[in-house]
C-alpha atoms as a PDB file:
ATOM      1  CA  MET A   1     108.124  38.753  37.449  1.00  0.00           C
ATOM      2  CA  SER A   2     110.443  36.448  39.440  1.00  0.00           C
ATOM      3  CA  THR A   3     109.879  32.753  39.791  1.00  0.00           C
ATOM      4  CA  GLN A   4     108.820  33.168  43.520  1.00  0.00           C
ATOM      5  CA  GLN A   5     106.295  35.912  42.723  1.00  0.00           C
ATOM      6  CA  ILE A   6     104.824  33.475  39.931  1.00  0.00           C
ATOM      7  CA  LYS A   7     104.668  30.663  42.402  1.00  0.00           C
ATOM      8  CA  GLU A   8     102.854  32.911  45.001  1.00  0.00           C
ATOM      9  CA  ALA A   9     100.459  34.195  42.355  1.00  0.00           C
ATOM     10  CA  LEU A  10      99.537  30.773  41.204  1.00  0.00           C
ATOM     11  CA  HIS A  11      99.033  29.627  44.848  1.00  0.00           C
ATOM     12  CA  HIS A  12      96.697  32.493  45.433  1.00  0.00           C
ATOM     13  CA  ARG A  13      94.816  31.744  42.086  1.00  0.00           C
ATOM     14  CA  ILE A  14      94.436  28.018  42.775  1.00  0.00           C
ATOM     15  CA  GLU A  15      92.121  28.925  45.569  1.00  0.00           C
ATOM     16  CA  GLN A  16      89.925  30.842  43.079  1.00  0.00           C
ATOM     17  CA  PHE A  17      89.848  28.196  40.241  1.00  0.00           C
ATOM     18  CA  ASP A  18      86.708  26.061  39.667  1.00  0.00           C
ATOM     19  CA  GLU A  19      86.925  22.152  39.470  1.00  0.00           C
ATOM     20  CA  ARG A  20      86.998  22.150  35.755  1.00  0.00           C
ATOM     21  CA  PHE A  21      90.037  24.373  35.497  1.00  0.00           C
ATOM     22  CA  LEU A  22      91.895  22.632  38.447  1.00  0.00           C
ATOM     23  CA  ARG A  23      91.428  19.185  36.642  1.00  0.00           C
ATOM     24  CA  LEU A  24      92.892  21.004  33.532  1.00  0.00           C
ATOM     25  CA  LEU A  25      95.835  22.210  35.491  1.00  0.00           C
ATOM     26  CA  TYR A  26      96.313  18.778  37.183  1.00  0.00           C
ATOM     27  CA  VAL A  27      96.522  17.084  33.737  1.00  0.00           C
ATOM     28  CA  MET A  28      98.906  19.614  32.261  1.00  0.00           C
ATOM     29  CA  ALA A  29     101.181  19.236  35.431  1.00  0.00           C
ATOM     30  CA  GLU A  30     101.147  15.410  35.215  1.00  0.00           C
ATOM     31  CA  THR A  31     101.713  15.391  31.584  1.00  0.00           C
ATOM     32  CA  TRP A  32     104.811  17.769  31.979  1.00  0.00           C
ATOM     33  CA  ILE A  33     106.239  15.606  34.817  1.00  0.00           C
ATOM     34  CA  LYS A  34     105.852  12.387  32.770  1.00  0.00           C
ATOM     35  CA  GLU A  35     107.499  14.019  29.873  1.00  0.00           C
ATOM     36  CA  GLN A  36     110.404  14.960  32.077  1.00  0.00           C
ATOM     37  CA  GLU A  37     110.698  11.626  33.562  1.00  0.00           C
ATOM     38  CA  ASP A  38     110.643   9.844  30.148  1.00  0.00           C
ATOM     39  CA  ALA A  39     113.271  12.218  28.909  1.00  0.00           C
ATOM     40  CA  ALA A  40     115.439  11.508  31.915  1.00  0.00           C
ATOM     41  CA  VAL A  41     115.036   7.664  31.214  1.00  0.00           C
ATOM     42  CA  GLU A  42     115.891   8.064  27.560  1.00  0.00           C
ATOM     43  CA  ALA A  43     119.085  10.188  28.295  1.00  0.00           C
ATOM     44  CA  GLU A  44     120.160   7.429  30.744  1.00  0.00           C
ATOM     45  CA  ILE A  45     119.620   4.857  28.050  1.00  0.00           C
ATOM     46  CA  ALA A  46     121.317   6.961  25.484  1.00  0.00           C
ATOM     47  CA  ALA A  47     124.470   7.244  27.864  1.00  0.00           C
ATOM     48  CA  ILE A  48     124.955   3.523  27.981  1.00  0.00           C
ATOM     49  CA  PRO A  49     127.900   2.784  25.754  1.00  0.00           C
ATOM     50  CA  PRO A  50     127.265   0.095  23.190  1.00  0.00           C
ATOM     51  CA  ASN A  51     128.745  -3.353  23.521  1.00  0.00           C
ATOM     52  CA  PRO A  52     132.023  -3.354  21.579  1.00  0.00           C
ATOM     53  CA  ASP A  53     131.352  -6.974  20.487  1.00  0.00           C
ATOM     54  CA  TRP A  54     127.963  -5.925  18.656  1.00  0.00           C
ATOM     55  CA  LYS A  55     128.103  -5.574  15.095  1.00  0.00           C
ATOM     56  CA  PRO A  56     125.538  -4.160  12.793  1.00  0.00           C
ATOM     57  CA  LEU A  57     123.327  -6.771  11.142  1.00  0.00           C
ATOM     58  CA  THR A  58     122.746  -6.843   7.457  1.00  0.00           C
ATOM     59  CA  GLU A  59     119.172  -7.523   6.025  1.00  0.00           C
ATOM     60  CA  GLU A  60     120.488 -11.092   5.057  1.00  0.00           C
ATOM     61  CA  ASP A  61     121.703 -11.621   8.576  1.00  0.00           C
ATOM     62  CA  LEU A  62     118.407 -10.499  10.270  1.00  0.00           C
ATOM     63  CA  MET A  63     116.406 -12.743   7.955  1.00  0.00           C
ATOM     64  CA  ALA A  64     118.493 -15.610   8.514  1.00  0.00           C
ATOM     65  CA  ARG A  65     118.028 -15.219  12.289  1.00  0.00           C
ATOM     66  CA  LEU A  66     114.374 -14.776  11.775  1.00  0.00           C
ATOM     67  CA  GLU A  67     113.957 -17.879   9.794  1.00  0.00           C
ATOM     68  CA  GLU A  68     116.025 -19.856  12.337  1.00  0.00           C
ATOM     69  CA  SER A  69     113.972 -18.516  15.175  1.00  0.00           C
ATOM     70  CA  SER A  70     110.772 -19.410  13.333  1.00  0.00           C
ATOM     71  CA  ALA A  71     112.157 -22.853  12.748  1.00  0.00           C
ATOM     72  CA  GLN A  72     113.028 -23.186  16.488  1.00  0.00           C
ATOM     73  CA  PHE A  73     109.568 -22.214  17.386  1.00  0.00           C
ATOM     74  CA  LYS A  74     108.038 -24.767  14.984  1.00  0.00           C
ATOM     75  CA  ARG A  75     110.193 -27.535  16.545  1.00  0.00           C
ATOM     76  CA  GLY A  76     108.874 -26.562  19.961  1.00  0.00           C
ATOM     77  CA  GLU A  77     112.224 -25.260  21.033  1.00  0.00           C
ATOM     78  CA  TYR A  78     111.108 -22.444  23.196  1.00  0.00           C
ATOM     79  CA  VAL A  79     110.398 -21.482  26.946  1.00  0.00           C
ATOM     80  CA  THR A  80     106.922 -20.885  28.006  1.00  0.00           C
ATOM     81  CA  ILE A  81     105.997 -17.821  30.225  1.00  0.00           C
ATOM     82  CA  ASP A  82     105.281 -20.278  33.194  1.00  0.00           C
ATOM     83  CA  GLU A  83     108.633 -21.915  32.763  1.00  0.00           C
ATOM     84  CA  LEU A  84     110.382 -18.597  32.617  1.00  0.00           C
ATOM     85  CA  GLU A  85     108.752 -17.394  35.665  1.00  0.00           C
ATOM     86  CA  LYS A  86     109.685 -20.633  37.420  1.00  0.00           C
ATOM     87  CA  GLU A  87     113.318 -20.236  36.213  1.00  0.00           C
ATOM     88  CA  MET A  88     113.338 -16.532  37.487  1.00  0.00           C
ATOM     89  CA  LYS A  89     112.442 -17.671  41.039  1.00  0.00           C
ATOM     90  CA  GLU A  90     115.587 -19.655  40.929  1.00  0.00           C
ATOM     91  CA  TRP A  91     117.887 -16.894  40.161  1.00  0.00           C
END
């Protein structure tokens, strides 16, 4: 059966389906479309070349950065959401 024949058969069958089956068909179609969109976004992200200046972090480097970030937070060295939103409006 060709793609065109399948489309025609489905169009014909849709008129015969009850509400329950139509809802199921709708959810299946929307889920498939969402998966395709997600895959396209993931492919775009994967195609972005990494910054050559980046280097892998060791566990020690990561822990040191975490400790420093925690210390900054405790000292009050952070930007609130309100401050960030205000700053973004000025960009």
